[in-house]
Amino acid sequence: QVDYRPELAMDAPALRARLYKTEALVVPPWLRVD
């Protein structure tokens, strides 16, 4: 199952809400992952 949602990279609250079910994540180089 693949979902392409580039707008979430600019919306931290929405991204966090989607991450709890995510098993693999592809991010742009400028996004901080900590």
PDB file of all heavy atoms in Angstrom:
ATOM      1  N   GLN A   1       0.853  -1.181   0.000  1.00  0.00           N
ATOM      2  CA  GLN A   1       0.000   0.000   0.000  1.00  0.00           C
ATOM      3  C   GLN A   1       0.893   1.237   0.000  1.00  0.00           C
ATOM      4  O   GLN A   1       1.721   1.412   0.903  1.00  0.00           O
ATOM      5  CB  GLN A   1      -0.909   0.011   1.224  1.00  0.00           C
ATOM      6  CG  GLN A   1      -1.858   1.211   1.259  1.00  0.00           C
ATOM      7  CD  GLN A   1      -2.684   1.239   2.525  1.00  0.00           C
ATOM      8  OE1 GLN A   1      -2.689   0.269   3.288  1.00  0.00           O
ATOM      9  NE2 GLN A   1      -3.375   2.339   2.753  1.00  0.00           N
ATOM     10  N   VAL A   2       0.738   2.090  -0.995  1.00  0.00           N
ATOM     11  CA  VAL A   2       1.580   3.271  -1.153  1.00  0.00           C
ATOM     12  C   VAL A   2       0.699   4.507  -1.225  1.00  0.00           C
ATOM     13  O   VAL A   2      -0.286   4.542  -1.979  1.00  0.00           O
ATOM     14  CB  VAL A   2       2.450   3.175  -2.430  1.00  0.00           C
ATOM     15  CG1 VAL A   2       3.287   4.444  -2.600  1.00  0.00           C
ATOM     16  CG2 VAL A   2       3.352   1.946  -2.374  1.00  0.00           C
ATOM     17  N   ASP A   3       1.046   5.517  -0.447  1.00  0.00           N
ATOM     18  CA  ASP A   3       0.294   6.770  -0.450  1.00  0.00           C
ATOM     19  C   ASP A   3       1.271   7.922  -0.683  1.00  0.00           C
ATOM     20  O   ASP A   3       2.250   8.068   0.061  1.00  0.00           O
ATOM     21  CB  ASP A   3      -0.430   6.945   0.889  1.00  0.00           C
ATOM     22  CG  ASP A   3      -1.473   8.056   0.839  1.00  0.00           C
ATOM     23  OD1 ASP A   3      -1.776   8.532  -0.273  1.00  0.00           O
ATOM     24  OD2 ASP A   3      -1.975   8.452   1.909  1.00  0.00           O
ATOM     25  N   TYR A   4       1.021   8.725  -1.703  1.00  0.00           N
ATOM     26  CA  TYR A   4       1.872   9.871  -2.021  1.00  0.00           C
ATOM     27  C   TYR A   4       1.202  11.133  -1.508  1.00  0.00           C
ATOM     28  O   TYR A   4       0.174  11.560  -2.014  1.00  0.00           O
ATOM     29  CB  TYR A   4       2.090   9.952  -3.536  1.00  0.00           C
ATOM     30  CG  TYR A   4       2.855  11.194  -3.995  1.00  0.00           C
ATOM     31  CD1 TYR A   4       4.033  11.579  -3.365  1.00  0.00           C
ATOM     32  CD2 TYR A   4       2.387  11.966  -5.055  1.00  0.00           C
ATOM     33  CE1 TYR A   4       4.727  12.700  -3.774  1.00  0.00           C
ATOM     34  CE2 TYR A   4       3.090  13.083  -5.483  1.00  0.00           C
ATOM     35  CZ  TYR A   4       4.252  13.451  -4.839  1.00  0.00           C
ATOM     36  OH  TYR A   4       4.945  14.558  -5.243  1.00  0.00           O
ATOM     37  N   ARG A   5       1.809  11.745  -0.478  1.00  0.00           N
ATOM     38  CA  ARG A   5       1.215  12.931   0.154  1.00  0.00           C
ATOM     39  C   ARG A   5       2.293  13.992   0.391  1.00  0.00           C
ATOM     40  O   ARG A   5       2.735  14.209   1.512  1.00  0.00           O
ATOM     41  CB  ARG A   5       0.563  12.535   1.476  1.00  0.00           C
ATOM     42  CG  ARG A   5      -0.616  11.583   1.365  1.00  0.00           C
ATOM     43  CD  ARG A   5      -1.816  12.256   0.716  1.00  0.00           C
ATOM     44  NE  ARG A   5      -2.203  13.437   1.460  1.00  0.00           N
ATOM     45  CZ  ARG A   5      -2.991  13.406   2.544  1.00  0.00           C
ATOM     46  NH1 ARG A   5      -3.469  12.238   2.989  1.00  0.00           N
ATOM     47  NH2 ARG A   5      -3.319  14.520   3.172  1.00  0.00           N
ATOM     48  N   PRO A   6       2.755  14.658  -0.656  1.00  0.00           N
ATOM     49  CA  PRO A   6       3.855  15.617  -0.502  1.00  0.00           C
ATOM     50  C   PRO A   6       3.507  16.805   0.386  1.00  0.00           C
ATOM     51  O   PRO A   6       4.392  17.400   1.010  1.00  0.00           O
ATOM     52  CB  PRO A   6       4.134  16.052  -1.944  1.00  0.00           C
ATOM     53  CG  PRO A   6       2.840  15.816  -2.668  1.00  0.00           C
ATOM     54  CD  PRO A   6       2.261  14.589  -2.043  1.00  0.00           C
ATOM     55  N   GLU A   7       2.224  17.162   0.472  1.00  0.00           N
ATOM     56  CA  GLU A   7       1.832  18.325   1.261  1.00  0.00           C
ATOM     57  C   GLU A   7       2.093  18.124   2.753  1.00  0.00           C
ATOM     58  O   GLU A   7       2.245  19.095   3.510  1.00  0.00           O
ATOM     59  CB  GLU A   7       0.358  18.658   1.015  1.00  0.00           C
ATOM     60  CG  GLU A   7      -0.641  17.693   1.627  1.00  0.00           C
ATOM     61  CD  GLU A   7      -0.873  16.434   0.805  1.00  0.00           C
ATOM     62  OE1 GLU A   7      -0.192  16.277  -0.230  1.00  0.00           O
ATOM     63  OE2 GLU A   7      -1.743  15.638   1.200  1.00  0.00           O
ATOM     64  N   LEU A   8       2.180  16.867   3.191  1.00  0.00           N
ATOM     65  CA  LEU A   8       2.403  16.600   4.614  1.00  0.00           C
ATOM     66  C   LEU A   8       3.791  17.025   5.066  1.00  0.00           C
ATOM     67  O   LEU A   8       4.013  17.274   6.252  1.00  0.00           O
ATOM     68  CB  LEU A   8       2.201  15.112   4.909  1.00  0.00           C
ATOM     69  CG  LEU A   8       0.786  14.561   4.721  1.00  0.00           C
ATOM     70  CD1 LEU A   8       0.754  13.076   5.030  1.00  0.00           C
ATOM     71  CD2 LEU A   8      -0.202  15.318   5.601  1.00  0.00           C
ATOM     72  N   ALA A   9       4.738  17.108   4.136  1.00  0.00           N
ATOM     73  CA  ALA A   9       6.091  17.527   4.497  1.00  0.00           C
ATOM     74  C   ALA A   9       6.107  18.962   5.016  1.00  0.00           C
ATOM     75  O   ALA A   9       7.023  19.347   5.761  1.00  0.00           O
ATOM     76  CB  ALA A   9       7.026  17.392   3.299  1.00  0.00           C
ATOM     77  N   MET A  10       5.104  19.759   4.638  1.00  0.00           N
ATOM     78  CA  MET A  10       5.022  21.156   5.070  1.00  0.00           C
ATOM     79  C   MET A  10       4.011  21.349   6.202  1.00  0.00           C
ATOM     80  O   MET A  10       3.763  22.475   6.621  1.00  0.00           O
ATOM     81  CB  MET A  10       4.625  22.036   3.872  1.00  0.00           C
ATOM     82  CG  MET A  10       5.547  21.927   2.684  1.00  0.00           C
ATOM     83  SD  MET A  10       7.200  22.552   3.040  1.00  0.00           S
ATOM     84  CE  MET A  10       6.836  24.293   3.263  1.00  0.00           C
ATOM     85  N   ASP A  11       3.418  20.275   6.679  1.00  0.00           N
ATOM     86  CA  ASP A  11       2.375  20.352   7.703  1.00  0.00           C
ATOM     87  C   ASP A  11       2.716  19.360   8.818  1.00  0.00           C
ATOM     88  O   ASP A  11       2.275  18.212   8.795  1.00  0.00           O
ATOM     89  CB  ASP A  11       1.015  20.031   7.074  1.00  0.00           C
ATOM     90  CG  ASP A  11      -0.157  20.281   8.012  1.00  0.00           C
ATOM     91  OD1 ASP A  11       0.069  20.366   9.234  1.00  0.00           O
ATOM     92  OD2 ASP A  11      -1.305  20.357   7.526  1.00  0.00           O
ATOM     93  N   ALA A  12       3.513  19.820   9.796  1.00  0.00           N
ATOM     94  CA  ALA A  12       4.012  18.918  10.840  1.00  0.00           C
ATOM     95  C   ALA A  12       2.900  18.221  11.625  1.00  0.00           C
ATOM     96  O   ALA A  12       2.974  17.001  11.842  1.00  0.00           O
ATOM     97  CB  ALA A  12       4.932  19.685  11.785  1.00  0.00           C
ATOM     98  N   PRO A  13       1.831  18.914  12.075  1.00  0.00           N
ATOM     99  CA  PRO A  13       0.776  18.219  12.819  1.00  0.00           C
ATOM    100  C   PRO A  13       0.089  17.128  11.995  1.00  0.00           C
ATOM    101  O   PRO A  13      -0.165  16.027  12.500  1.00  0.00           O
ATOM    102  CB  PRO A  13      -0.197  19.344  13.179  1.00  0.00           C
ATOM    103  CG  PRO A  13       0.639  20.578  13.188  1.00  0.00           C
ATOM    104  CD  PRO A  13       1.616  20.379  12.080  1.00  0.00           C
ATOM    105  N   ALA A  14      -0.180  17.425  10.723  1.00  0.00           N
ATOM    106  CA  ALA A  14      -0.839  16.432   9.869  1.00  0.00           C
ATOM    107  C   ALA A  14       0.082  15.245   9.605  1.00  0.00           C
ATOM    108  O   ALA A  14      -0.364  14.090   9.571  1.00  0.00           O
ATOM    109  CB  ALA A  14      -1.267  17.077   8.552  1.00  0.00           C
ATOM    110  N   LEU A  15       1.375  15.509   9.433  1.00  0.00           N
ATOM    111  CA  LEU A  15       2.321  14.428   9.216  1.00  0.00           C
ATOM    112  C   LEU A  15       2.392  13.516  10.436  1.00  0.00           C
ATOM    113  O   LEU A  15       2.363  12.287  10.312  1.00  0.00           O
ATOM    114  CB  LEU A  15       3.705  15.002   8.903  1.00  0.00           C
ATOM    115  CG  LEU A  15       4.855  13.984   8.783  1.00  0.00           C
ATOM    116  CD1 LEU A  15       4.570  12.971   7.676  1.00  0.00           C
ATOM    117  CD2 LEU A  15       6.178  14.698   8.544  1.00  0.00           C
ATOM    118  N   ARG A  16       2.480  14.102  11.601  1.00  0.00           N
ATOM    119  CA  ARG A  16       2.560  13.299  12.813  1.00  0.00           C
ATOM    120  C   ARG A  16       1.317  12.427  12.987  1.00  0.00           C
ATOM    121  O   ARG A  16       1.410  11.285  13.458  1.00  0.00           O
ATOM    122  CB  ARG A  16       2.740  14.218  14.020  1.00  0.00           C
ATOM    123  CG  ARG A  16       4.105  14.904  14.060  1.00  0.00           C
ATOM    124  CD  ARG A  16       4.154  15.986  15.117  1.00  0.00           C
ATOM    125  NE  ARG A  16       5.482  16.600  15.181  1.00  0.00           N
ATOM    126  CZ  ARG A  16       5.781  17.629  15.953  1.00  0.00           C
ATOM    127  NH1 ARG A  16       4.843  18.175  16.726  1.00  0.00           N
ATOM    128  NH2 ARG A  16       7.007  18.111  15.951  1.00  0.00           N
ATOM    129  N   ALA A  17       0.171  12.958  12.601  1.00  0.00           N
ATOM    130  CA  ALA A  17      -1.066  12.192  12.721  1.00  0.00           C
ATOM    131  C   ALA A  17      -1.087  10.983  11.791  1.00  0.00           C
ATOM    132  O   ALA A  17      -1.718   9.964  12.102  1.00  0.00           O
ATOM    133  CB  ALA A  17      -2.264  13.092  12.435  1.00  0.00           C
ATOM    134  N   ARG A  18      -0.393  11.083  10.654  1.00  0.00           N
ATOM    135  CA  ARG A  18      -0.381   9.977   9.693  1.00  0.00           C
ATOM    136  C   ARG A  18       0.716   8.956   9.979  1.00  0.00           C
ATOM    137  O   ARG A  18       0.659   7.828   9.479  1.00  0.00           O
ATOM    138  CB  ARG A  18      -0.177  10.533   8.278  1.00  0.00           C
ATOM    139  CG  ARG A  18      -1.316  11.379   7.756  1.00  0.00           C
ATOM    140  CD  ARG A  18      -2.602  10.569   7.593  1.00  0.00           C
ATOM    141  NE  ARG A  18      -2.466   9.523   6.607  1.00  0.00           N
ATOM    142  CZ  ARG A  18      -2.707   9.684   5.307  1.00  0.00           C
ATOM    143  NH1 ARG A  18      -3.096  10.869   4.856  1.00  0.00           N
ATOM    144  NH2 ARG A  18      -2.579   8.675   4.482  1.00  0.00           N
ATOM    145  N   LEU A  19       1.720   9.333  10.752  1.00  0.00           N
ATOM    146  CA  LEU A  19       2.886   8.474  10.923  1.00  0.00           C
ATOM    147  C   LEU A  19       2.619   7.242  11.786  1.00  0.00           C
ATOM    148  O   LEU A  19       3.346   6.255  11.683  1.00  0.00           O
ATOM    149  CB  LEU A  19       4.049   9.261  11.535  1.00  0.00           C
ATOM    150  CG  LEU A  19       4.803  10.204  10.596  1.00  0.00           C
ATOM    151  CD1 LEU A  19       5.896  10.936  11.349  1.00  0.00           C
ATOM    152  CD2 LEU A  19       5.399   9.438   9.422  1.00  0.00           C
ATOM    153  N   TYR A  20       1.584   7.267  12.622  1.00  0.00           N
ATOM    154  CA  TYR A  20       1.425   6.167  13.579  1.00  0.00           C
ATOM    155  C   TYR A  20       1.101   4.843  12.906  1.00  0.00           C
ATOM    156  O   TYR A  20       1.306   3.775  13.490  1.00  0.00           O
ATOM    157  CB  TYR A  20       0.365   6.514  14.625  1.00  0.00           C
ATOM    158  CG  TYR A  20      -1.070   6.363  14.164  1.00  0.00           C
ATOM    159  CD1 TYR A  20      -1.808   5.240  14.521  1.00  0.00           C
ATOM    160  CD2 TYR A  20      -1.680   7.339  13.377  1.00  0.00           C
ATOM    161  CE1 TYR A  20      -3.123   5.094  14.111  1.00  0.00           C
ATOM    162  CE2 TYR A  20      -2.987   7.206  12.956  1.00  0.00           C
ATOM    163  CZ  TYR A  20      -3.708   6.076  13.331  1.00  0.00           C
ATOM    164  OH  TYR A  20      -5.006   5.934  12.915  1.00  0.00           O
ATOM    165  N   LYS A  21       0.633   4.879  11.654  1.00  0.00           N
ATOM    166  CA  LYS A  21       0.353   3.652  10.914  1.00  0.00           C
ATOM    167  C   LYS A  21       1.394   3.354   9.830  1.00  0.00           C
ATOM    168  O   LYS A  21       1.279   2.367   9.119  1.00  0.00           O
ATOM    169  CB  LYS A  21      -1.026   3.735  10.247  1.00  0.00           C
ATOM    170  CG  LYS A  21      -2.193   3.671  11.200  1.00  0.00           C
ATOM    171  CD  LYS A  21      -3.506   3.649  10.423  1.00  0.00           C
ATOM    172  CE  LYS A  21      -4.703   3.508  11.353  1.00  0.00           C
ATOM    173  NZ  LYS A  21      -5.976   3.472  10.582  1.00  0.00           N
ATOM    174  N   THR A  22       2.385   4.205   9.713  1.00  0.00           N
ATOM    175  CA  THR A  22       3.341   4.109   8.606  1.00  0.00           C
ATOM    176  C   THR A  22       4.477   3.147   8.941  1.00  0.00           C
ATOM    177  O   THR A  22       5.079   3.226  10.014  1.00  0.00           O
ATOM    178  CB  THR A  22       3.917   5.498   8.287  1.00  0.00           C
ATOM    179  OG1 THR A  22       2.844   6.364   7.906  1.00  0.00           O
ATOM    180  CG2 THR A  22       4.924   5.421   7.157  1.00  0.00           C
ATOM    181  N   GLU A  23       4.787   2.254   7.987  1.00  0.00           N
ATOM    182  CA  GLU A  23       5.886   1.306   8.162  1.00  0.00           C
ATOM    183  C   GLU A  23       7.139   1.716   7.393  1.00  0.00           C
ATOM    184  O   GLU A  23       8.251   1.327   7.763  1.00  0.00           O
ATOM    185  CB  GLU A  23       5.446  -0.097   7.730  1.00  0.00           C
ATOM    186  CG  GLU A  23       4.330  -0.662   8.595  1.00  0.00           C
ATOM    187  CD  GLU A  23       3.919  -2.054   8.177  1.00  0.00           C
ATOM    188  OE1 GLU A  23       4.378  -2.506   7.107  1.00  0.00           O
ATOM    189  OE2 GLU A  23       3.136  -2.683   8.902  1.00  0.00           O
ATOM    190  N   ALA A  24       6.977   2.472   6.309  1.00  0.00           N
ATOM    191  CA  ALA A  24       8.114   2.967   5.520  1.00  0.00           C
ATOM    192  C   ALA A  24       7.811   4.389   5.076  1.00  0.00           C
ATOM    193  O   ALA A  24       6.681   4.684   4.678  1.00  0.00           O
ATOM    194  CB  ALA A  24       8.388   2.073   4.320  1.00  0.00           C
ATOM    195  N   LEU A  25       8.814   5.231   5.147  1.00  0.00           N
ATOM    196  CA  LEU A  25       8.626   6.655   4.877  1.00  0.00           C
ATOM    197  C   LEU A  25       9.733   7.140   3.944  1.00  0.00           C
ATOM    198  O   LEU A  25      10.916   6.884   4.188  1.00  0.00           O
ATOM    199  CB  LEU A  25       8.674   7.431   6.197  1.00  0.00           C
ATOM    200  CG  LEU A  25       8.540   8.947   6.149  1.00  0.00           C
ATOM    201  CD1 LEU A  25       7.140   9.355   5.675  1.00  0.00           C
ATOM    202  CD2 LEU A  25       8.820   9.546   7.532  1.00  0.00           C
ATOM    203  N   VAL A  26       9.360   7.846   2.878  1.00  0.00           N
ATOM    204  CA  VAL A  26      10.324   8.466   1.963  1.00  0.00           C
ATOM    205  C   VAL A  26      10.196   9.978   2.109  1.00  0.00           C
ATOM    206  O   VAL A  26       9.106  10.529   1.925  1.00  0.00           O
ATOM    207  CB  VAL A  26      10.086   8.033   0.506  1.00  0.00           C
ATOM    208  CG1 VAL A  26      11.034   8.780  -0.436  1.00  0.00           C
ATOM    209  CG2 VAL A  26      10.279   6.527   0.359  1.00  0.00           C
ATOM    210  N   VAL A  27      11.311  10.643   2.456  1.00  0.00           N
ATOM    211  CA  VAL A  27      11.274  12.063   2.776  1.00  0.00           C
ATOM    212  C   VAL A  27      12.186  12.854   1.849  1.00  0.00           C
ATOM    213  O   VAL A  27      13.173  12.319   1.338  1.00  0.00           O
ATOM    214  CB  VAL A  27      11.691  12.301   4.244  1.00  0.00           C
ATOM    215  CG1 VAL A  27      10.754  11.580   5.196  1.00  0.00           C
ATOM    216  CG2 VAL A  27      13.131  11.867   4.488  1.00  0.00           C
ATOM    217  N   PRO A  28      11.892  14.138   1.637  1.00  0.00           N
ATOM    218  CA  PRO A  28      12.806  15.003   0.880  1.00  0.00           C
ATOM    219  C   PRO A  28      14.037  15.324   1.732  1.00  0.00           C
ATOM    220  O   PRO A  28      13.989  15.233   2.967  1.00  0.00           O
ATOM    221  CB  PRO A  28      11.967  16.254   0.612  1.00  0.00           C
ATOM    222  CG  PRO A  28      10.950  16.272   1.718  1.00  0.00           C
ATOM    223  CD  PRO A  28      10.653  14.839   2.034  1.00  0.00           C
ATOM    224  N   PRO A  29      15.149  15.727   1.120  1.00  0.00           N
ATOM    225  CA  PRO A  29      16.402  15.911   1.870  1.00  0.00           C
ATOM    226  C   PRO A  29      16.351  17.048   2.872  1.00  0.00           C
ATOM    227  O   PRO A  29      17.138  17.057   3.824  1.00  0.00           O
ATOM    228  CB  PRO A  29      17.437  16.169   0.772  1.00  0.00           C
ATOM    229  CG  PRO A  29      16.656  16.656  -0.398  1.00  0.00           C
ATOM    230  CD  PRO A  29      15.336  15.953  -0.325  1.00  0.00           C
ATOM    231  N   TRP A  30      15.452  18.004   2.693  1.00  0.00           N
ATOM    232  CA  TRP A  30      15.416  19.150   3.599  1.00  0.00           C
ATOM    233  C   TRP A  30      14.592  18.898   4.863  1.00  0.00           C
ATOM    234  O   TRP A  30      14.652  19.684   5.817  1.00  0.00           O
ATOM    235  CB  TRP A  30      14.855  20.382   2.877  1.00  0.00           C
ATOM    236  CG  TRP A  30      13.548  20.144   2.170  1.00  0.00           C
ATOM    237  CD1 TRP A  30      13.362  19.849   0.848  1.00  0.00           C
ATOM    238  CD2 TRP A  30      12.248  20.181   2.751  1.00  0.00           C
ATOM    239  NE1 TRP A  30      12.023  19.695   0.570  1.00  0.00           N
ATOM    240  CE2 TRP A  30      11.313  19.892   1.724  1.00  0.00           C
ATOM    241  CE3 TRP A  30      11.755  20.435   4.028  1.00  0.00           C
ATOM    242  CZ2 TRP A  30       9.947  19.850   1.933  1.00  0.00           C
ATOM    243  CZ3 TRP A  30      10.390  20.388   4.255  1.00  0.00           C
ATOM    244  CH2 TRP A  30       9.497  20.106   3.215  1.00  0.00           C
ATOM    245  N   LEU A  31      13.838  17.811   4.914  1.00  0.00           N
ATOM    246  CA  LEU A  31      12.982  17.547   6.068  1.00  0.00           C
ATOM    247  C   LEU A  31      13.796  16.983   7.225  1.00  0.00           C
ATOM    248  O   LEU A  31      14.512  15.994   7.072  1.00  0.00           O
ATOM    249  CB  LEU A  31      11.872  16.564   5.692  1.00  0.00           C
ATOM    250  CG  LEU A  31      10.859  16.263   6.811  1.00  0.00           C
ATOM    251  CD1 LEU A  31       9.999  17.489   7.080  1.00  0.00           C
ATOM    252  CD2 LEU A  31       9.975  15.076   6.446  1.00  0.00           C
ATOM    253  N   ARG A  32      13.659  17.588   8.395  1.00  0.00           N
ATOM    254  CA  ARG A  32      14.381  17.113   9.573  1.00  0.00           C
ATOM    255  C   ARG A  32      13.696  15.878  10.139  1.00  0.00           C
ATOM    256  O   ARG A  32      12.482  15.880  10.390  1.00  0.00           O
ATOM    257  CB  ARG A  32      14.439  18.208  10.645  1.00  0.00           C
ATOM    258  CG  ARG A  32      15.108  17.762  11.949  1.00  0.00           C
ATOM    259  CD  ARG A  32      15.354  18.936  12.872  1.00  0.00           C
ATOM    260  NE  ARG A  32      16.333  19.845  12.299  1.00  0.00           N
ATOM    261  CZ  ARG A  32      17.640  19.675  12.371  1.00  0.00           C
ATOM    262  NH1 ARG A  32      18.143  18.598  12.961  1.00  0.00           N
ATOM    263  NH2 ARG A  32      18.461  20.550  11.839  1.00  0.00           N
ATOM    264  N   VAL A  33      14.485  14.840  10.331  1.00  0.00           N
ATOM    265  CA  VAL A  33      13.990  13.599  10.940  1.00  0.00           C
ATOM    266  C   VAL A  33      14.794  13.384  12.214  1.00  0.00           C
ATOM    267  O   VAL A  33      15.982  13.051  12.168  1.00  0.00           O
ATOM    268  CB  VAL A  33      14.146  12.394   9.994  1.00  0.00           C
ATOM    269  CG1 VAL A  33      13.661  11.121  10.678  1.00  0.00           C
ATOM    270  CG2 VAL A  33      13.384  12.632   8.692  1.00  0.00           C
ATOM    271  N   ASP A  34      14.148  13.581  13.356  1.00  0.00           N
ATOM    272  CA  ASP A  34      14.822  13.442  14.641  1.00  0.00           C
ATOM    273  C   ASP A  34      13.998  12.562  15.561  1.00  0.00           C
ATOM    274  O   ASP A  34      12.960  12.001  15.161  1.00  0.00           O
ATOM    275  CB  ASP A  34      15.075  14.817  15.264  1.00  0.00           C
ATOM    276  CG  ASP A  34      13.802  15.661  15.350  1.00  0.00           C
ATOM    277  OD1 ASP A  34      12.684  15.082  15.280  1.00  0.00           O
ATOM    278  OD2 ASP A  34      13.908  16.892  15.503  1.00  0.00           O
TER     279      ASP A  34
END
